[in-house]
Amino acid sequence: MRIFTYSEHIERPREEVFAFMMDFRTAPRWRNMVRRIEVIGGGPVRQGSKLLFTMDVQGQIKQGEVELWLYEPPHRFGQTNTRSGVTGVFEYKLEPNGTGTTVSLTADLRPHGVMWLLLPFLIRSSRLRFRDQLAKLKQAIEQERSPGKP
């Protein structure tokens, strides 16, 4: 079930935005709760890569595995994970738009079993968690090369 689509225009070329998003060292600057992202087993990122997310969730450090189900630089990438009876499927699309790039994030949730009963809560909490992510991305990347920045 599609739970949201968010978009943001960023005044940078698509290739630069994609590279910034896939540089996992920048993740804590724009991804809510994320402290670190690592490629499990090392190596270059590709479709099928497994990523280990380390997150700060309500004061506790949690880790979770995510799979890149889609990886098409510099156009789009997608992540999926299943945790606590819910599968989340996320896709980022990057489209050239004038002198910059429009980044869109869509999310689908698929609850399993009794987790269907919690669907309204899951939708609300996911929307709150991700609603400002692209605005944070915009701020982080546009500050990265601000004129006059040392």
C-alpha atoms as a PDB file:
ATOM      1  CA  MET A   1       0.000   0.000   0.000  1.00  0.00           C
ATOM      2  CA  ARG A   2       1.422   3.383  -1.039  1.00  0.00           C
ATOM      3  CA  ILE A   3       1.677   5.502   2.093  1.00  0.00           C
ATOM      4  CA  PHE A   4       3.395   8.606   0.763  1.00  0.00           C
ATOM      5  CA  THR A   5       5.206  10.358  -2.045  1.00  0.00           C
ATOM      6  CA  TYR A   6       7.387  13.355  -1.239  1.00  0.00           C
ATOM      7  CA  SER A   7       9.346  15.526  -3.692  1.00  0.00           C
ATOM      8  CA  GLU A   8      11.944  18.274  -3.412  1.00  0.00           C
ATOM      9  CA  HIS A   9      13.795  20.382  -5.990  1.00  0.00           C
ATOM     10  CA  ILE A  10      17.563  20.620  -5.413  1.00  0.00           C
ATOM     11  CA  GLU A  11      19.740  23.127  -7.267  1.00  0.00           C
ATOM     12  CA  ARG A  12      22.385  20.601  -8.233  1.00  0.00           C
ATOM     13  CA  PRO A  13      22.820  18.313 -11.258  1.00  0.00           C
ATOM     14  CA  ARG A  14      21.290  14.840 -10.960  1.00  0.00           C
ATOM     15  CA  GLU A  15      24.689  13.100 -10.981  1.00  0.00           C
ATOM     16  CA  GLU A  16      25.888  15.208  -8.052  1.00  0.00           C
ATOM     17  CA  VAL A  17      22.707  14.595  -6.054  1.00  0.00           C
ATOM     18  CA  PHE A  18      22.837  10.841  -6.682  1.00  0.00           C
ATOM     19  CA  ALA A  19      26.525  10.678  -5.682  1.00  0.00           C
ATOM     20  CA  PHE A  20      25.783  12.603  -2.480  1.00  0.00           C
ATOM     21  CA  MET A  21      22.881  10.295  -1.591  1.00  0.00           C
ATOM     22  CA  MET A  22      24.995   7.183  -2.181  1.00  0.00           C
ATOM     23  CA  ASP A  23      27.940   8.522  -0.168  1.00  0.00           C
ATOM     24  CA  PHE A  24      26.848   6.875   3.063  1.00  0.00           C
ATOM     25  CA  ARG A  25      29.090   9.177   5.106  1.00  0.00           C
ATOM     26  CA  THR A  26      26.511  11.929   4.439  1.00  0.00           C
ATOM     27  CA  ALA A  27      23.518   9.838   5.604  1.00  0.00           C
ATOM     28  CA  PRO A  28      23.364  11.193   9.196  1.00  0.00           C
ATOM     29  CA  ARG A  29      23.047  14.717   7.787  1.00  0.00           C
ATOM     30  CA  TRP A  30      19.783  14.036   5.971  1.00  0.00           C
ATOM     31  CA  ARG A  31      18.310  10.664   7.006  1.00  0.00           C
ATOM     32  CA  ASN A  32      16.299  10.805  10.218  1.00  0.00           C
ATOM     33  CA  MET A  33      17.618   8.619  13.033  1.00  0.00           C
ATOM     34  CA  VAL A  34      20.461   7.200  10.876  1.00  0.00           C
ATOM     35  CA  ARG A  35      23.889   7.178  12.482  1.00  0.00           C
ATOM     36  CA  ARG A  36      25.710   5.029   9.929  1.00  0.00           C
ATOM     37  CA  ILE A  37      25.172   2.945   6.779  1.00  0.00           C
ATOM     38  CA  GLU A  38      27.620   0.258   5.696  1.00  0.00           C
ATOM     39  CA  VAL A  39      27.695  -2.155   2.765  1.00  0.00           C
ATOM     40  CA  ILE A  40      27.600  -5.663   4.237  1.00  0.00           C
ATOM     41  CA  GLY A  41      30.596  -7.551   2.906  1.00  0.00           C
ATOM     42  CA  GLY A  42      32.145  -4.371   1.494  1.00  0.00           C
ATOM     43  CA  GLY A  43      32.582  -3.771  -2.197  1.00  0.00           C
ATOM     44  CA  PRO A  44      30.832  -1.351  -4.500  1.00  0.00           C
ATOM     45  CA  VAL A  45      27.118  -0.636  -4.162  1.00  0.00           C
ATOM     46  CA  ARG A  46      24.988  -2.490  -6.716  1.00  0.00           C
ATOM     47  CA  GLN A  47      21.510  -3.880  -7.121  1.00  0.00           C
ATOM     48  CA  GLY A  48      21.141  -6.650  -4.549  1.00  0.00           C
ATOM     49  CA  SER A  49      23.650  -5.105  -2.117  1.00  0.00           C
ATOM     50  CA  LYS A  50      22.796  -5.541   1.545  1.00  0.00           C
ATOM     51  CA  LEU A  51      23.225  -2.498   3.763  1.00  0.00           C
ATOM     52  CA  LEU A  52      23.523  -2.358   7.529  1.00  0.00           C
ATOM     53  CA  PHE A  53      21.744   0.672   8.992  1.00  0.00           C
ATOM     54  CA  THR A  54      22.710   1.789  12.498  1.00  0.00           C
ATOM     55  CA  MET A  55      20.020   4.037  13.932  1.00  0.00           C
ATOM     56  CA  ASP A  56      19.208   5.939  17.084  1.00  0.00           C
ATOM     57  CA  VAL A  57      15.594   5.015  17.884  1.00  0.00           C
ATOM     58  CA  GLN A  58      14.204   6.732  20.957  1.00  0.00           C
ATOM     59  CA  GLY A  59      17.609   6.776  22.615  1.00  0.00           C
ATOM     60  CA  GLN A  60      18.484   3.169  21.778  1.00  0.00           C
ATOM     61  CA  ILE A  61      20.945   2.060  19.113  1.00  0.00           C
ATOM     62  CA  LYS A  62      19.289  -0.362  16.685  1.00  0.00           C
ATOM     63  CA  GLN A  63      20.608  -2.072  13.593  1.00  0.00           C
ATOM     64  CA  GLY A  64      18.741  -3.390  10.597  1.00  0.00           C
ATOM     65  CA  GLU A  65      19.521  -4.889   7.234  1.00  0.00           C
ATOM     66  CA  VAL A  66      18.204  -3.303   4.047  1.00  0.00           C
ATOM     67  CA  GLU A  67      18.486  -4.593   0.485  1.00  0.00           C
ATOM     68  CA  LEU A  68      18.956  -2.398  -2.562  1.00  0.00           C
ATOM     69  CA  TRP A  69      16.298  -3.909  -4.808  1.00  0.00           C
ATOM     70  CA  LEU A  70      16.884  -1.227  -7.449  1.00  0.00           C
ATOM     71  CA  TYR A  71      20.067   0.574  -8.400  1.00  0.00           C
ATOM     72  CA  GLU A  72      20.189   2.628 -11.605  1.00  0.00           C
ATOM     73  CA  PRO A  73      22.682   5.491 -11.238  1.00  0.00           C
ATOM     74  CA  PRO A  74      22.009   8.389 -11.519  1.00  0.00           C
ATOM     75  CA  HIS A  75      18.268   7.882 -12.113  1.00  0.00           C
ATOM     76  CA  ARG A  76      16.897   5.958  -9.156  1.00  0.00           C
ATOM     77  CA  PHE A  77      17.469   3.466  -6.369  1.00  0.00           C
ATOM     78  CA  GLY A  78      15.235   1.499  -4.065  1.00  0.00           C
ATOM     79  CA  GLN A  79      15.529  -0.142  -0.660  1.00  0.00           C
ATOM     80  CA  THR A  80      13.443  -2.794   1.045  1.00  0.00           C
ATOM     81  CA  ASN A  81      13.426  -4.372   4.467  1.00  0.00           C
ATOM     82  CA  THR A  82      11.160  -6.480   6.628  1.00  0.00           C
ATOM     83  CA  ARG A  83      11.087  -5.863  10.345  1.00  0.00           C
ATOM     84  CA  SER A  84       8.574  -6.687  13.051  1.00  0.00           C
ATOM     85  CA  GLY A  85       6.066  -8.094  10.576  1.00  0.00           C
ATOM     86  CA  VAL A  86       6.112  -5.159   8.159  1.00  0.00           C
ATOM     87  CA  THR A  87       7.848  -4.888   4.795  1.00  0.00           C
ATOM     88  CA  GLY A  88       8.821  -1.391   3.706  1.00  0.00           C
ATOM     89  CA  VAL A  89       9.629  -0.648   0.067  1.00  0.00           C
ATOM     90  CA  PHE A  90      11.195   2.745  -0.675  1.00  0.00           C
ATOM     91  CA  GLU A  91      12.158   4.259  -4.008  1.00  0.00           C
ATOM     92  CA  TYR A  92      14.092   7.437  -4.755  1.00  0.00           C
ATOM     93  CA  LYS A  93      13.803   8.923  -8.263  1.00  0.00           C
ATOM     94  CA  LEU A  94      15.972  11.746  -9.546  1.00  0.00           C
ATOM     95  CA  GLU A  95      14.757  13.765 -12.550  1.00  0.00           C
ATOM     96  CA  PRO A  96      16.562  16.684 -14.210  1.00  0.00           C
ATOM     97  CA  ASN A  97      14.527  19.855 -13.782  1.00  0.00           C
ATOM     98  CA  GLY A  98      15.895  23.093 -15.206  1.00  0.00           C
ATOM     99  CA  THR A  99      19.280  23.731 -13.624  1.00  0.00           C
ATOM    100  CA  GLY A 100      18.675  21.238 -10.837  1.00  0.00           C
ATOM    101  CA  THR A 101      17.075  17.938  -9.915  1.00  0.00           C
ATOM    102  CA  THR A 102      13.701  16.926  -8.547  1.00  0.00           C
ATOM    103  CA  VAL A 103      14.077  14.061  -6.074  1.00  0.00           C
ATOM    104  CA  SER A 104      10.991  11.995  -5.255  1.00  0.00           C
ATOM    105  CA  LEU A 105      10.655   9.463  -2.457  1.00  0.00           C
ATOM    106  CA  THR A 106       7.816   6.953  -2.443  1.00  0.00           C
ATOM    107  CA  ALA A 107       7.067   4.388   0.223  1.00  0.00           C
ATOM    108  CA  ASP A 108       4.894   1.304   0.305  1.00  0.00           C
ATOM    109  CA  LEU A 109       4.149  -0.652   3.481  1.00  0.00           C
ATOM    110  CA  ARG A 110       3.059  -4.272   3.499  1.00  0.00           C
ATOM    111  CA  PRO A 111       2.013  -5.445   6.944  1.00  0.00           C
ATOM    112  CA  HIS A 112       1.939  -9.196   7.572  1.00  0.00           C
ATOM    113  CA  GLY A 113      -0.460 -11.038   9.849  1.00  0.00           C
ATOM    114  CA  VAL A 114      -1.762  -9.114  12.824  1.00  0.00           C
ATOM    115  CA  MET A 115       0.333  -6.064  11.875  1.00  0.00           C
ATOM    116  CA  TRP A 116      -2.595  -5.075   9.610  1.00  0.00           C
ATOM    117  CA  LEU A 117      -4.334  -3.950  12.788  1.00  0.00           C
ATOM    118  CA  LEU A 118      -1.580  -1.386  13.346  1.00  0.00           C
ATOM    119  CA  LEU A 119      -1.635  -0.061   9.779  1.00  0.00           C
ATOM    120  CA  PRO A 120      -3.066   3.412  10.638  1.00  0.00           C
ATOM    121  CA  PHE A 121      -0.359   3.925  13.279  1.00  0.00           C
ATOM    122  CA  LEU A 122       2.369   2.635  10.911  1.00  0.00           C
ATOM    123  CA  ILE A 123       1.264   5.004   8.162  1.00  0.00           C
ATOM    124  CA  ARG A 124       1.188   8.011  10.493  1.00  0.00           C
ATOM    125  CA  SER A 125       4.576   7.285  12.070  1.00  0.00           C
ATOM    126  CA  SER A 126       6.232   6.620   8.677  1.00  0.00           C
ATOM    127  CA  ARG A 127       4.869   9.837   7.211  1.00  0.00           C
ATOM    128  CA  LEU A 128       6.175  11.801  10.195  1.00  0.00           C
ATOM    129  CA  ARG A 129       9.582  10.146  10.051  1.00  0.00           C
ATOM    130  CA  PHE A 130      10.154  10.731   6.348  1.00  0.00           C
ATOM    131  CA  ARG A 131       8.262  13.966   5.591  1.00  0.00           C
ATOM    132  CA  ASP A 132      11.278  16.246   6.041  1.00  0.00           C
ATOM    133  CA  GLN A 133      13.962  13.867   4.737  1.00  0.00           C
ATOM    134  CA  LEU A 134      14.197  15.412   1.257  1.00  0.00           C
ATOM    135  CA  ALA A 135      14.202  18.941   2.683  1.00  0.00           C
ATOM    136  CA  LYS A 136      17.142  17.889   4.876  1.00  0.00           C
ATOM    137  CA  LEU A 137      18.838  16.379   1.804  1.00  0.00           C
ATOM    138  CA  LYS A 138      18.359  19.673  -0.058  1.00  0.00           C
ATOM    139  CA  GLN A 139      19.820  21.657   2.816  1.00  0.00           C
ATOM    140  CA  ALA A 140      22.789  19.292   3.254  1.00  0.00           C
ATOM    141  CA  ILE A 141      23.766  19.129  -0.412  1.00  0.00           C
ATOM    142  CA  GLU A 142      23.222  22.806  -1.156  1.00  0.00           C
ATOM    143  CA  GLN A 143      25.389  23.732   1.844  1.00  0.00           C
ATOM    144  CA  GLU A 144      28.066  21.276   0.699  1.00  0.00           C
ATOM    145  CA  ARG A 145      29.381  23.658  -1.937  1.00  0.00           C
ATOM    146  CA  SER A 146      28.021  26.989  -0.858  1.00  0.00           C
ATOM    147  CA  PRO A 147      29.937  29.923  -2.342  1.00  0.00           C
ATOM    148  CA  GLY A 148      32.522  31.208   0.094  1.00  0.00           C
ATOM    149  CA  LYS A 149      32.505  28.036   2.186  1.00  0.00           C
ATOM    150  CA  PRO A 150      36.065  27.062   3.181  1.00  0.00           C
END
